Protein backbone atom coordinates (compact mmCIF):
# COMPACT_ATOMS: atom_id res chain seq x y z
CA MET A 1 34.98 6.95 127.79
CA GLY A 2 35.03 7.54 124.06
CA ALA A 3 36.91 8.88 121.14
CA ILE A 4 36.55 10.38 117.63
CA SER A 5 39.08 10.10 114.73
CA PRO A 6 39.74 12.34 112.87
CA VAL A 7 38.92 15.35 114.89
CA PRO A 8 37.84 18.41 112.81
CA PHE A 9 40.22 20.81 114.36
CA ALA A 10 43.26 18.89 113.25
CA ASP A 11 43.49 20.62 109.84
CA ARG A 12 46.71 20.84 107.79
CA PHE A 13 47.93 23.94 109.79
CA PHE A 14 47.35 22.34 113.23
CA ILE A 15 49.14 19.09 112.12
CA GLU A 16 52.02 21.11 110.79
CA LYS A 17 52.19 23.06 114.12
CA VAL A 18 52.15 19.66 116.07
CA GLU A 19 54.89 18.33 113.83
CA ARG A 20 57.09 21.42 114.19
CA GLU A 21 56.56 22.07 117.94
CA ILE A 22 56.13 18.63 119.29
CA ILE A 23 57.05 15.68 117.01
CA LYS A 24 60.28 16.82 115.55
CA PRO A 25 61.64 17.98 119.00
CA THR A 26 60.64 14.62 120.44
CA ILE A 27 62.53 12.82 117.66
CA LYS A 28 65.41 15.13 118.05
CA GLY A 29 65.60 14.40 121.80
CA LEU A 30 65.56 10.69 121.08
CA VAL A 31 68.53 10.99 118.72
CA GLU A 32 70.51 13.30 121.02
CA GLU A 33 69.92 10.81 123.85
CA GLU A 34 71.11 8.00 121.47
CA ILE A 35 67.82 6.16 121.86
CA ASP A 36 67.19 3.86 119.01
CA TYR A 37 63.46 3.70 119.51
CA LYS A 38 61.18 1.56 117.29
CA GLY A 39 57.45 1.42 117.83
CA PHE A 40 54.59 3.71 118.90
CA ILE A 41 55.06 6.98 120.64
CA PHE A 42 51.56 8.02 121.63
CA ILE A 43 51.57 11.74 122.36
CA GLY A 44 48.47 12.76 124.31
CA LEU A 45 47.53 16.30 123.53
CA MET A 46 45.47 19.09 124.89
CA VAL A 47 44.56 22.07 122.83
CA ASP A 48 44.64 25.51 124.45
CA ASN A 49 43.53 28.37 122.22
CA GLY A 50 44.53 26.43 119.08
CA ASN A 51 47.97 25.52 120.58
CA PRO A 52 48.94 21.81 121.17
CA LYS A 53 50.17 20.99 124.57
CA VAL A 54 51.66 17.59 125.64
CA ILE A 55 49.89 15.90 128.54
CA GLU A 56 51.50 12.57 128.23
CA TYR A 57 53.87 10.35 126.29
CA ASN A 58 53.23 6.57 125.95
CA VAL A 59 55.10 3.85 124.28
CA ARG A 60 51.81 2.16 123.41
CA MET A 61 48.47 3.30 121.90
CA GLY A 62 46.03 4.72 124.48
CA ASP A 63 42.60 3.48 125.16
CA PRO A 64 40.01 4.38 123.82
CA GLU A 65 42.01 6.12 121.07
CA THR A 66 43.30 2.84 119.73
CA GLU A 67 39.78 1.73 118.94
CA VAL A 68 39.23 4.63 116.48
CA VAL A 69 42.81 4.97 115.10
CA ILE A 70 43.71 1.32 114.32
CA PRO A 71 40.43 0.56 112.46
CA ARG A 72 41.00 3.50 110.11
CA ILE A 73 44.33 2.08 108.92
CA LYS A 74 43.68 0.50 105.66
CA SER A 75 47.28 -0.77 105.12
CA ASP A 76 48.30 -4.31 106.31
CA LEU A 77 49.05 -3.66 110.07
CA LEU A 78 51.38 -6.64 110.27
CA ASN A 79 53.32 -5.43 107.28
CA LEU A 80 53.63 -1.90 108.82
CA PHE A 81 54.88 -3.45 112.15
CA ARG A 82 57.36 -5.57 110.12
CA GLY A 83 58.64 -2.42 108.33
CA ILE A 84 59.21 -0.81 111.71
CA GLY A 85 61.23 -3.82 112.81
CA ASN A 86 63.40 -4.25 109.82
CA GLY A 87 63.70 -0.62 108.85
CA SER A 88 61.73 -0.76 105.69
CA PHE A 89 58.74 1.24 107.03
CA SER A 90 59.41 4.33 104.77
CA GLU A 91 59.04 2.10 101.75
CA ILE A 92 55.56 0.83 102.75
CA ASP A 93 52.28 2.45 101.60
CA PHE A 94 50.48 3.88 104.62
CA ASN A 95 46.79 4.49 103.90
CA ILE A 96 44.11 5.75 106.21
CA SER A 97 40.39 5.69 105.64
CA GLU A 98 38.62 9.05 105.05
CA GLU A 99 35.68 7.84 107.09
CA VAL A 100 35.08 9.09 110.62
CA ALA A 101 35.41 6.54 113.45
CA ALA A 102 33.64 6.92 116.77
CA THR A 103 33.83 4.68 119.87
CA VAL A 104 31.75 4.65 123.00
CA MET A 105 33.07 2.69 125.98
CA LEU A 106 30.55 0.64 128.02
CA VAL A 107 31.56 0.47 131.79
CA SER A 108 30.40 -1.23 134.84
CA GLY A 109 28.23 0.92 137.16
CA GLY A 110 30.37 2.47 139.69
CA TYR A 111 33.54 2.61 137.51
CA PRO A 112 36.25 4.03 138.13
CA GLU A 113 35.43 3.48 141.77
CA ASP A 114 33.90 0.14 143.03
CA TYR A 115 32.12 -1.98 140.47
CA LYS A 116 30.94 -5.59 140.43
CA LYS A 117 32.15 -8.26 138.05
CA GLY A 118 30.35 -11.25 136.67
CA LYS A 119 27.33 -9.54 135.11
CA GLU A 120 25.95 -11.59 132.24
CA MET A 121 25.98 -9.64 129.00
CA THR A 122 23.36 -10.07 126.18
CA GLY A 123 22.43 -8.53 122.83
CA PHE A 124 25.57 -9.11 120.91
CA GLU A 125 23.51 -10.73 118.07
CA ASN A 126 21.61 -7.44 117.60
CA VAL A 127 24.56 -5.22 116.88
CA ASP A 128 24.86 -4.24 113.30
CA GLY A 129 27.60 -2.24 111.58
CA SER A 130 29.91 -1.84 114.52
CA LEU A 131 33.10 -3.28 115.74
CA LEU A 132 33.06 -4.55 119.35
CA PHE A 133 36.39 -4.43 121.41
CA HIS A 134 36.15 -6.56 124.55
CA ALA A 135 38.24 -4.94 127.24
CA GLY A 136 36.74 -6.32 130.62
CA THR A 137 34.77 -9.36 129.64
CA LYS A 138 35.27 -13.07 129.93
CA ASN A 139 33.63 -16.21 128.73
CA ASP A 140 32.09 -17.95 131.80
CA GLU A 141 30.32 -21.33 131.13
CA GLU A 142 29.28 -20.31 127.60
CA LYS A 143 28.10 -16.83 128.40
CA ILE A 144 29.96 -13.58 128.24
CA VAL A 145 30.20 -11.73 131.58
CA THR A 146 31.77 -8.50 132.78
CA ASN A 147 35.24 -8.80 134.23
CA GLY A 148 36.40 -5.19 134.68
CA GLY A 149 35.35 -1.64 134.87
CA ARG A 150 35.98 -0.74 131.19
CA VAL A 151 33.89 -3.54 129.74
CA LEU A 152 33.44 -3.04 125.99
CA SER A 153 33.87 -0.41 123.33
CA VAL A 154 31.55 -0.01 120.40
CA THR A 155 33.29 1.50 117.33
CA SER A 156 31.45 2.67 114.22
CA PHE A 157 32.27 4.38 110.92
CA GLY A 158 30.41 7.19 109.12
CA LYS A 159 30.74 9.88 106.51
CA ASP A 160 30.79 12.38 109.45
CA ILE A 161 30.90 12.64 113.22
CA ASP A 162 27.25 12.62 113.63
CA GLU A 163 26.65 9.43 111.69
CA ALA A 164 29.46 7.53 113.28
CA VAL A 165 28.62 8.62 116.85
CA ASN A 166 24.80 7.70 116.23
CA LYS A 167 25.71 4.29 114.92
CA SER A 168 27.87 3.63 117.94
CA TYR A 169 25.13 4.86 120.31
CA ASP A 170 22.49 2.82 118.58
CA ASN A 171 24.55 -0.35 119.00
CA ALA A 172 25.58 0.49 122.58
CA LYS A 173 21.86 0.48 123.57
CA LYS A 174 21.55 -3.16 122.21
CA ILE A 175 24.22 -4.67 124.48
CA ASN A 176 22.83 -5.14 128.01
CA PHE A 177 24.31 -5.99 131.34
CA ASN A 178 23.20 -5.01 134.86
CA GLY A 179 24.75 -1.66 135.80
CA LYS A 180 25.80 -0.64 132.28
CA TYR A 181 26.85 2.87 131.79
CA TYR A 182 28.19 5.08 129.05
CA ARG A 183 28.61 8.68 128.44
CA LYS A 184 25.94 10.11 126.10
CA ASP A 185 28.03 13.18 124.99
CA ILE A 186 30.95 11.63 123.03
CA GLY A 187 31.80 13.92 120.08
CA PHE A 188 29.15 16.53 120.88
CA ASP A 189 31.84 19.21 121.51
CA LEU A 190 33.04 18.49 118.03
CA LEU A 191 29.72 18.86 116.11
């Protein structure tokens, strides 16, 4: 329903622990199994008393994490992908924005259970300073309508979590459709 990047608890020590206890053993396992893997390995973590625990592995970026991670990458994404494919990735500069990104997912009323599609969406022209990622929308006779449970994510940047989250919430309010719902506590546990 939303995501923040970076998270404040992921300091240098936490990242080193994740690398030592999870990432390196994962790579070692791929090598031992003779798996020549190229691409994303998304490792979903849960933190228990400061200790990272793996809850899932994916061979793709997750949603809504993608909407806060990819926009922070300042390097040419196509060039990074090309480097993964041809083995030159280690020679490519990989730069990430220092700004905080926050995304809020707008969903259809009833999601994840029963929800209706085809609700006309308005207010896009009023959004300022956020990126909009269409997930469950479609163009229907020159108007945008809902076409899924997870409809749209609103991603914003800020100097800190509070600024990024507030900008996303301000713009989430400007987009309208019947049954629109979004959580109003994204990032609050990190403030």
